[in-house]
Amino acid sequence: MVRIKSRLKFRWILCFIIFFIVLLIYGNHLLKERAKKLEDMRMIEAFDFMEDGWKKYRMMKYAGANMEYTDSKGNIKVIETEPVLLDVFDEAIDPYILGKTPSLGYFRITEGKRTSEFIQNFNDNMSHLKIWNNREGRYMTISENEGLEEFKDINSFEELWEYMNKRNDEGVKYINELDIVGHDRTGQPGKFIYDYGNGESKEISENVITLFELFKDKYKDWS
């Protein structure tokens, strides 16, 4: 009888040990799965962080804006060149993915000294520049050619940022669609005119126009 009880006790202890080991293995598996999901989530956030940084850097260059980066500790770094932006990516992303920092930080852009002037150039060019469209057999505004909404003057840097983040009829953000304006939504050469809106127009000696030029060049003054 004592021997039977001893065997039963041993079996219960063995079952408990096996259960504990299985529970430990399963718990470790769940922990690894959670860590993997967390790492994947952080990698997605890092990708979004880089995309946001590049987009704001481009907008800074186009519109003469100011750009800065604030890290997870509140330290601020002014972004003026591409190498500085790349350094920020290197310093912020790896530690965040590895869980060494609580956040990636964030980028901020604000109006610069000449931003208002550049926005006015952009308004004028978007309102008056037209490109020849073979399928329609006529000159079209840049907005028509690129599948954007009808253009209305932009009055502030905030409105400009909102405008550039809209999406056209193909789901492409305006800032990317306007990167290069050419024939039939491509970088292929096209024919441009400046339409004064009073029945007069003049040919523009450009066959593609970049977003940078839409901000910087005053095509109405070209002879």
Protein backbone atom coordinates (compact mmCIF):
# COMPACT_ATOMS: atom_id res chain seq x y z
CA MET A 1 0.00 0.00 0.00
CA VAL A 2 2.85 2.32 0.95
CA ARG A 3 4.60 1.42 -2.30
CA ILE A 4 1.46 2.27 -4.34
CA LYS A 5 1.09 5.64 -2.61
CA SER A 6 4.78 6.33 -3.22
CA ARG A 7 4.35 5.57 -6.93
CA LEU A 8 1.26 7.80 -7.16
CA LYS A 9 3.10 10.60 -5.43
CA PHE A 10 6.03 10.21 -7.82
CA ARG A 11 3.67 10.29 -10.81
CA TRP A 12 1.99 13.47 -9.54
CA ILE A 13 5.37 15.10 -9.02
CA LEU A 14 6.46 13.98 -12.50
CA CYS A 15 3.24 15.30 -14.05
CA PHE A 16 3.72 18.60 -12.24
CA ILE A 17 7.31 18.88 -13.48
CA ILE A 18 6.26 18.06 -17.07
CA PHE A 19 3.38 20.57 -16.85
CA PHE A 20 5.75 23.21 -15.50
CA ILE A 21 8.28 22.56 -18.30
CA VAL A 22 5.55 22.71 -20.97
CA LEU A 23 4.21 25.92 -19.42
CA LEU A 24 7.71 27.38 -19.38
CA ILE A 25 8.32 26.44 -23.03
CA TYR A 26 4.94 27.85 -24.08
CA GLY A 27 5.51 31.01 -22.06
CA ASN A 28 8.92 31.45 -23.63
CA HIS A 29 7.34 30.98 -27.07
CA LEU A 30 4.69 33.61 -26.32
CA LEU A 31 7.39 35.96 -25.06
CA LYS A 32 9.40 35.52 -28.26
CA GLU A 33 6.29 36.04 -30.38
CA ARG A 34 5.46 39.21 -28.48
CA ALA A 35 9.03 40.46 -28.81
CA LYS A 36 8.96 39.72 -32.56
CA LYS A 37 5.65 41.57 -32.98
CA LEU A 38 7.01 44.49 -30.98
CA GLU A 39 10.15 44.56 -33.12
CA ASP A 40 8.08 44.40 -36.31
CA MET A 41 5.89 47.23 -35.05
CA ARG A 42 8.95 49.31 -34.22
CA MET A 43 10.39 48.65 -37.67
CA ILE A 44 7.15 49.86 -39.28
CA GLU A 45 7.25 52.96 -37.08
CA ALA A 46 10.89 53.49 -38.07
CA PHE A 47 9.95 53.31 -41.75
CA ASP A 48 7.19 55.90 -41.21
CA PHE A 49 9.68 58.03 -39.28
CA MET A 50 12.12 58.00 -42.20
CA GLU A 51 9.37 58.76 -44.71
CA ASP A 52 8.20 61.70 -42.62
CA GLY A 53 11.77 62.97 -42.30
CA TRP A 54 12.45 62.82 -46.04
CA LYS A 55 9.12 64.44 -46.88
CA LYS A 56 9.71 67.32 -44.49
CA TYR A 57 13.30 67.70 -45.67
CA ARG A 58 12.11 68.02 -49.27
CA MET A 59 9.47 70.55 -48.24
CA MET A 60 12.12 72.50 -46.34
CA LYS A 61 14.26 72.70 -49.48
CA TYR A 62 11.38 73.52 -51.82
CA ALA A 63 9.73 76.21 -49.70
CA GLY A 64 12.74 77.67 -47.89
CA ALA A 65 11.45 76.41 -44.53
CA ASN A 66 13.23 75.61 -41.27
CA MET A 67 13.51 72.04 -40.00
CA GLU A 68 14.49 70.57 -36.66
CA TYR A 69 14.52 67.20 -34.93
CA THR A 70 13.64 66.56 -31.28
CA ASP A 71 14.88 63.27 -29.82
CA SER A 72 13.30 61.13 -27.08
CA LYS A 73 15.11 63.15 -24.39
CA GLY A 74 13.95 66.52 -25.73
CA ASN A 75 17.26 67.48 -27.33
CA ILE A 76 16.83 69.57 -30.49
CA LYS A 77 18.98 69.39 -33.64
CA VAL A 78 18.63 71.77 -36.60
CA ILE A 79 18.40 69.96 -39.95
CA GLU A 80 19.94 71.91 -42.83
CA THR A 81 21.66 69.27 -44.95
CA GLU A 82 21.06 65.69 -46.06
CA PRO A 83 24.07 64.28 -44.10
CA VAL A 84 22.62 65.71 -40.86
CA LEU A 85 19.27 64.07 -41.62
CA LEU A 86 20.97 60.74 -42.30
CA ASP A 87 22.86 61.03 -39.01
CA VAL A 88 19.55 61.51 -37.21
CA PHE A 89 18.18 58.35 -38.83
CA ASP A 90 21.27 56.40 -37.73
CA GLU A 91 21.17 57.73 -34.17
CA ALA A 92 17.42 57.27 -33.65
CA ILE A 93 16.31 54.14 -35.47
CA ASP A 94 18.60 51.31 -34.29
CA PRO A 95 18.29 52.10 -30.55
CA TYR A 96 14.51 52.37 -30.88
CA ILE A 97 14.14 49.03 -32.70
CA LEU A 98 16.34 47.37 -30.06
CA GLY A 99 14.16 48.86 -27.31
CA LYS A 100 16.91 51.07 -25.88
CA THR A 101 14.91 54.30 -26.32
CA PRO A 102 11.21 54.92 -25.65
CA SER A 103 10.51 56.80 -28.89
CA LEU A 104 12.00 57.86 -32.19
CA GLY A 105 11.49 61.56 -31.56
CA TYR A 106 9.93 63.76 -34.22
CA PHE A 107 10.64 66.25 -37.02
CA ARG A 108 9.17 69.74 -37.23
CA ILE A 109 9.17 72.25 -40.08
CA THR A 110 8.28 75.93 -39.80
CA GLU A 111 8.08 78.87 -42.17
CA GLY A 112 11.39 80.45 -43.19
CA LYS A 113 12.31 84.00 -44.23
CA ARG A 114 11.52 83.44 -47.93
CA THR A 115 8.75 80.85 -47.58
CA SER A 116 5.98 83.38 -48.28
CA GLU A 117 7.75 84.49 -51.47
CA PHE A 118 8.20 80.91 -52.65
CA ILE A 119 4.56 80.08 -51.95
CA GLN A 120 3.52 83.03 -54.11
CA ASN A 121 5.74 81.72 -56.93
CA PHE A 122 4.13 78.31 -56.53
CA ASN A 123 0.64 79.82 -56.62
CA ASP A 124 1.40 81.76 -59.78
CA ASN A 125 3.02 78.82 -61.59
CA MET A 126 0.29 76.34 -60.64
CA SER A 127 -2.38 78.81 -61.80
CA HIS A 128 -0.78 79.79 -65.13
CA LEU A 129 1.58 77.05 -66.36
CA LYS A 130 0.07 74.54 -68.78
CA ILE A 131 1.40 71.43 -70.48
CA TRP A 132 0.32 69.94 -73.81
CA ASN A 133 -1.74 66.75 -73.53
CA ASN A 134 -1.84 64.59 -76.67
CA ARG A 135 -4.92 62.60 -75.67
CA GLU A 136 -6.97 65.73 -74.96
CA GLY A 137 -5.42 67.67 -77.83
CA ARG A 138 -5.01 70.79 -75.70
CA TYR A 139 -2.92 72.48 -73.05
CA MET A 140 -3.89 71.47 -69.52
CA THR A 141 -3.06 72.95 -66.14
CA ILE A 142 -0.54 71.07 -64.06
CA SER A 143 -3.36 70.03 -61.71
CA GLU A 144 -5.36 68.54 -64.60
CA ASN A 145 -2.31 66.80 -66.01
CA GLU A 146 -1.31 65.25 -62.67
CA GLY A 147 -4.82 64.28 -61.55
CA LEU A 148 -4.99 66.80 -58.70
CA GLU A 149 -7.97 68.81 -57.51
CA GLU A 150 -8.53 72.22 -59.10
CA PHE A 151 -5.81 74.49 -57.77
CA LYS A 152 -6.66 77.33 -55.39
CA ASP A 153 -4.13 79.79 -54.00
CA ILE A 154 -2.31 78.67 -50.87
CA ASN A 155 -2.10 81.36 -48.20
CA SER A 156 0.12 79.89 -45.50
CA PHE A 157 2.81 77.31 -44.86
CA GLU A 158 0.29 75.19 -42.94
CA GLU A 159 -2.02 75.16 -45.97
CA LEU A 160 0.94 74.24 -48.19
CA TRP A 161 1.83 71.25 -45.98
CA GLU A 162 -1.79 70.10 -45.97
CA TYR A 163 -1.96 70.47 -49.76
CA MET A 164 1.21 68.44 -50.37
CA ASN A 165 -0.13 65.56 -48.26
CA LYS A 166 -3.34 65.19 -50.26
CA ARG A 167 -3.62 62.28 -52.69
CA ASN A 168 -4.54 62.44 -56.37
CA ASP A 169 -6.92 60.19 -58.32
CA GLU A 170 -4.32 57.40 -58.31
CA GLY A 171 -3.66 57.62 -54.57
CA VAL A 172 -0.28 59.32 -54.95
CA LYS A 173 0.58 62.17 -52.59
CA TYR A 174 0.77 65.53 -54.29
CA ILE A 175 4.36 66.11 -53.17
CA ASN A 176 5.42 62.95 -55.01
CA GLU A 177 3.22 63.48 -58.08
CA LEU A 178 4.56 67.02 -58.54
CA ASP A 179 8.19 65.97 -58.07
CA ILE A 180 8.65 66.02 -61.86
CA VAL A 181 5.97 67.37 -64.21
CA GLY A 182 6.28 66.05 -67.74
CA HIS A 183 4.28 64.51 -70.55
CA ASP A 184 1.35 62.33 -69.41
CA ARG A 185 2.37 62.15 -65.73
CA THR A 186 5.91 61.03 -66.53
CA GLY A 187 9.36 62.56 -66.67
CA GLN A 188 9.20 62.54 -70.46
CA PRO A 189 9.64 65.89 -72.25
CA GLY A 190 6.50 67.95 -72.77
CA LYS A 191 5.53 71.35 -74.19
CA PHE A 192 4.81 74.10 -71.66
CA ILE A 193 3.19 77.50 -71.95
CA TYR A 194 2.48 80.30 -69.51
CA ASP A 195 -1.16 81.31 -69.89
CA TYR A 196 -1.79 84.87 -68.71
CA GLY A 197 -5.51 84.22 -68.48
CA ASN A 198 -6.44 87.08 -70.79
CA GLY A 199 -6.16 85.21 -74.08
CA GLU A 200 -2.38 85.67 -74.27
CA SER A 201 0.27 83.03 -73.63
CA LYS A 202 3.95 82.37 -74.23
CA GLU A 203 6.01 79.22 -74.74
CA ILE A 204 8.30 78.08 -71.94
CA SER A 205 11.69 76.69 -72.97
CA GLU A 206 11.47 73.83 -70.46
CA ASN A 207 10.44 70.31 -71.37
CA VAL A 208 10.09 69.06 -67.78
CA ILE A 209 9.53 71.12 -64.63
CA THR A 210 10.42 69.99 -61.13
CA LEU A 211 8.64 70.86 -57.91
CA PHE A 212 11.73 72.78 -56.85
CA GLU A 213 11.36 74.99 -59.95
CA LEU A 214 7.64 75.53 -59.31
CA PHE A 215 8.65 77.25 -56.08
CA LYS A 216 11.80 79.04 -57.21
CA ASP A 217 11.24 80.13 -60.84
CA LYS A 218 9.06 83.06 -61.91
CA TYR A 219 7.96 81.82 -65.32
CA LYS A 220 5.76 84.88 -65.86
CA ASP A 221 8.95 86.97 -66.12
CA TRP A 222 10.66 84.68 -68.62
CA SER A 223 11.19 86.23 -72.02
